[in-house]
C-alpha atoms as a PDB file:
ATOM      1  CA  MET A   1     -29.949  52.450 111.380  1.00  0.00           C
ATOM      2  CA  ALA A   2     -27.767  49.685 111.705  1.00  0.00           C
ATOM      3  CA  SER A   3     -28.355  46.652 113.791  1.00  0.00           C
ATOM      4  CA  PHE A   4     -25.555  44.449 115.473  1.00  0.00           C
ATOM      5  CA  THR A   5     -25.493  41.224 117.367  1.00  0.00           C
ATOM      6  CA  VAL A   6     -22.713  41.111 120.006  1.00  0.00           C
ATOM      7  CA  ARG A   7     -21.464  38.167 122.009  1.00  0.00           C
ATOM      8  CA  ILE A   8     -19.108  38.723 124.974  1.00  0.00           C
ATOM      9  CA  VAL A   9     -17.576  35.864 126.912  1.00  0.00           C
ATOM     10  CA  LEU A  10     -15.803  36.667 130.317  1.00  0.00           C
ATOM     11  CA  LYS A  11     -12.867  34.481 130.933  1.00  0.00           C
ATOM     12  CA  ASP A  12     -13.418  32.888 134.335  1.00  0.00           C
ATOM     13  CA  GLY A  13     -16.369  35.053 134.814  1.00  0.00           C
ATOM     14  CA  ASP A  14     -19.219  33.992 137.187  1.00  0.00           C
ATOM     15  CA  TRP A  15     -22.891  34.735 137.084  1.00  0.00           C
ATOM     16  CA  ASP A  16     -22.369  37.921 139.217  1.00  0.00           C
ATOM     17  CA  ASP A  17     -19.963  38.987 136.651  1.00  0.00           C
ATOM     18  CA  TYR A  18     -22.328  38.579 133.975  1.00  0.00           C
ATOM     19  CA  GLU A  19     -25.046  40.661 135.952  1.00  0.00           C
ATOM     20  CA  LYS A  20     -22.393  43.272 136.048  1.00  0.00           C
ATOM     21  CA  LEU A  21     -21.694  43.047 132.417  1.00  0.00           C
ATOM     22  CA  TYR A  22     -25.373  43.267 131.582  1.00  0.00           C
ATOM     23  CA  ALA A  23     -25.849  46.482 133.669  1.00  0.00           C
ATOM     24  CA  ARG A  24     -22.802  48.039 131.805  1.00  0.00           C
ATOM     25  CA  MET A  25     -24.014  46.994 128.534  1.00  0.00           C
ATOM     26  CA  GLU A  26     -27.552  48.292 129.188  1.00  0.00           C
ATOM     27  CA  MET A  27     -25.989  51.707 130.042  1.00  0.00           C
ATOM     28  CA  LYS A  28     -24.186  51.819 126.909  1.00  0.00           C
ATOM     29  CA  GLY A  29     -27.464  51.203 124.741  1.00  0.00           C
ATOM     30  CA  PHE A  30     -27.317  47.255 124.254  1.00  0.00           C
ATOM     31  CA  SER A  31     -30.365  45.123 124.737  1.00  0.00           C
ATOM     32  CA  LYS A  32     -30.961  41.560 125.748  1.00  0.00           C
ATOM     33  CA  GLU A  33     -34.264  41.459 124.091  1.00  0.00           C
ATOM     34  CA  ILE A  34     -35.429  41.035 120.613  1.00  0.00           C
ATOM     35  CA  GLU A  35     -38.632  41.820 118.985  1.00  0.00           C
ATOM     36  CA  GLY A  36     -40.226  39.642 116.375  1.00  0.00           C
ATOM     37  CA  SER A  37     -42.170  40.687 113.482  1.00  0.00           C
ATOM     38  CA  SER A  38     -45.451  40.139 115.454  1.00  0.00           C
ATOM     39  CA  GLY A  39     -44.368  42.245 118.159  1.00  0.00           C
ATOM     40  CA  GLN A  40     -43.488  39.519 120.692  1.00  0.00           C
ATOM     41  CA  VAL A  41     -40.343  40.537 122.566  1.00  0.00           C
ATOM     42  CA  TYR A  42     -37.980  37.438 123.373  1.00  0.00           C
ATOM     43  CA  GLU A  43     -35.006  37.033 125.607  1.00  0.00           C
ATOM     44  CA  LEU A  44     -31.575  36.614 123.867  1.00  0.00           C
ATOM     45  CA  PRO A  45     -29.257  33.817 124.966  1.00  0.00           C
ATOM     46  CA  ASP A  46     -26.700  34.338 127.833  1.00  0.00           C
ATOM     47  CA  ALA A  47     -23.901  36.584 126.932  1.00  0.00           C
ATOM     48  CA  GLU A  48     -25.530  38.051 123.671  1.00  0.00           C
ATOM     49  CA  TYR A  49     -26.876  41.377 123.212  1.00  0.00           C
ATOM     50  CA  ILE A  50     -28.204  43.364 120.265  1.00  0.00           C
ATOM     51  CA  PHE A  51     -27.574  47.050 119.581  1.00  0.00           C
ATOM     52  CA  ASP A  52     -29.606  49.222 117.019  1.00  0.00           C
ATOM     53  CA  GLY A  53     -28.346  52.631 116.283  1.00  0.00           C
ATOM     54  CA  ALA A  54     -26.509  54.940 114.092  1.00  0.00           C
ATOM     55  CA  ALA A  55     -23.055  53.246 114.799  1.00  0.00           C
ATOM     56  CA  THR A  56     -20.342  51.394 112.825  1.00  0.00           C
ATOM     57  CA  ARG A  57     -18.954  47.930 113.937  1.00  0.00           C
ATOM     58  CA  GLU A  58     -16.004  49.606 115.526  1.00  0.00           C
ATOM     59  CA  ASP A  59     -18.221  51.845 117.394  1.00  0.00           C
ATOM     60  CA  VAL A  60     -20.224  49.009 118.708  1.00  0.00           C
ATOM     61  CA  PHE A  61     -17.052  47.099 119.389  1.00  0.00           C
ATOM     62  CA  GLU A  62     -15.601  49.872 121.473  1.00  0.00           C
ATOM     63  CA  LYS A  63     -18.660  50.352 123.572  1.00  0.00           C
ATOM     64  CA  ALA A  64     -18.976  46.435 124.176  1.00  0.00           C
ATOM     65  CA  LYS A  65     -15.098  46.531 124.786  1.00  0.00           C
ATOM     66  CA  ALA A  66     -15.439  49.248 127.450  1.00  0.00           C
ATOM     67  CA  ALA A  67     -18.510  47.446 129.375  1.00  0.00           C
ATOM     68  CA  ALA A  68     -16.400  44.259 129.308  1.00  0.00           C
ATOM     69  CA  GLY A  69     -13.284  45.828 130.466  1.00  0.00           C
ATOM     70  CA  GLY A  70     -15.101  47.260 133.281  1.00  0.00           C
ATOM     71  CA  VAL A  71     -15.923  43.594 134.826  1.00  0.00           C
ATOM     72  CA  GLY A  72     -12.801  41.902 134.149  1.00  0.00           C
ATOM     73  CA  PRO A  73      -9.443  41.838 132.546  1.00  0.00           C
ATOM     74  CA  LYS A  74      -9.899  38.947 130.081  1.00  0.00           C
ATOM     75  CA  TYR A  75     -12.854  38.571 127.810  1.00  0.00           C
ATOM     76  CA  SER A  76     -13.651  37.787 124.252  1.00  0.00           C
ATOM     77  CA  ILE A  77     -16.047  39.957 121.907  1.00  0.00           C
ATOM     78  CA  LEU A  78     -17.608  39.038 118.560  1.00  0.00           C
ATOM     79  CA  VAL A  79     -19.665  41.902 116.748  1.00  0.00           C
ATOM     80  CA  THR A  80     -21.698  41.098 113.768  1.00  0.00           C
ATOM     81  CA  GLU A  81     -23.574  43.503 111.777  1.00  0.00           C
ATOM     82  CA  SER A  82     -27.077  42.345 110.683  1.00  0.00           C
ATOM     83  CA  LYS A  83     -29.307  42.694 107.847  1.00  0.00           C
ATOM     84  CA  GLY A  84     -32.130  40.494 109.684  1.00  0.00           C
ATOM     85  CA  ARG A  85     -32.246  37.753 112.283  1.00  0.00           C
ATOM     86  CA  THR A  86     -34.167  34.627 112.386  1.00  0.00           C
ATOM     87  CA  TRP A  87     -34.638  32.642 115.544  1.00  0.00           C
ATOM     88  CA  CYS A  88     -36.434  29.827 117.352  1.00  0.00           C
ATOM     89  CA  GLY A  89     -36.626  28.443 120.841  1.00  0.00           C
ATOM     90  CA  LEU A  90     -35.894  31.947 122.390  1.00  0.00           C
ATOM     91  CA  GLU A  91     -37.970  32.373 125.794  1.00  0.00           C
ATOM     92  CA  LYS A  92     -40.633  34.982 125.610  1.00  0.00           C
ATOM     93  CA  ALA A  93     -39.792  38.159 127.742  1.00  0.00           C
END
């Protein structure tokens, strides 16, 4: 199973637009939460998502693009395939 981190920035987007994006991303299998090795769940920073599953970077990009395109015409997307993640300062979910 592959793991991906996705960042989407909506050009001229407001908070309501990001709420819509979150709902669309969730329907496509993305999450805004990440689980640590201890089992504690944390919230990702705004505009960041994770996707874990049998997919390629291109598959994940197309899912994210479809979600963002349903919210607004201008956006930027970065998809990174991950072999592991390390973080600090994230809020507990």
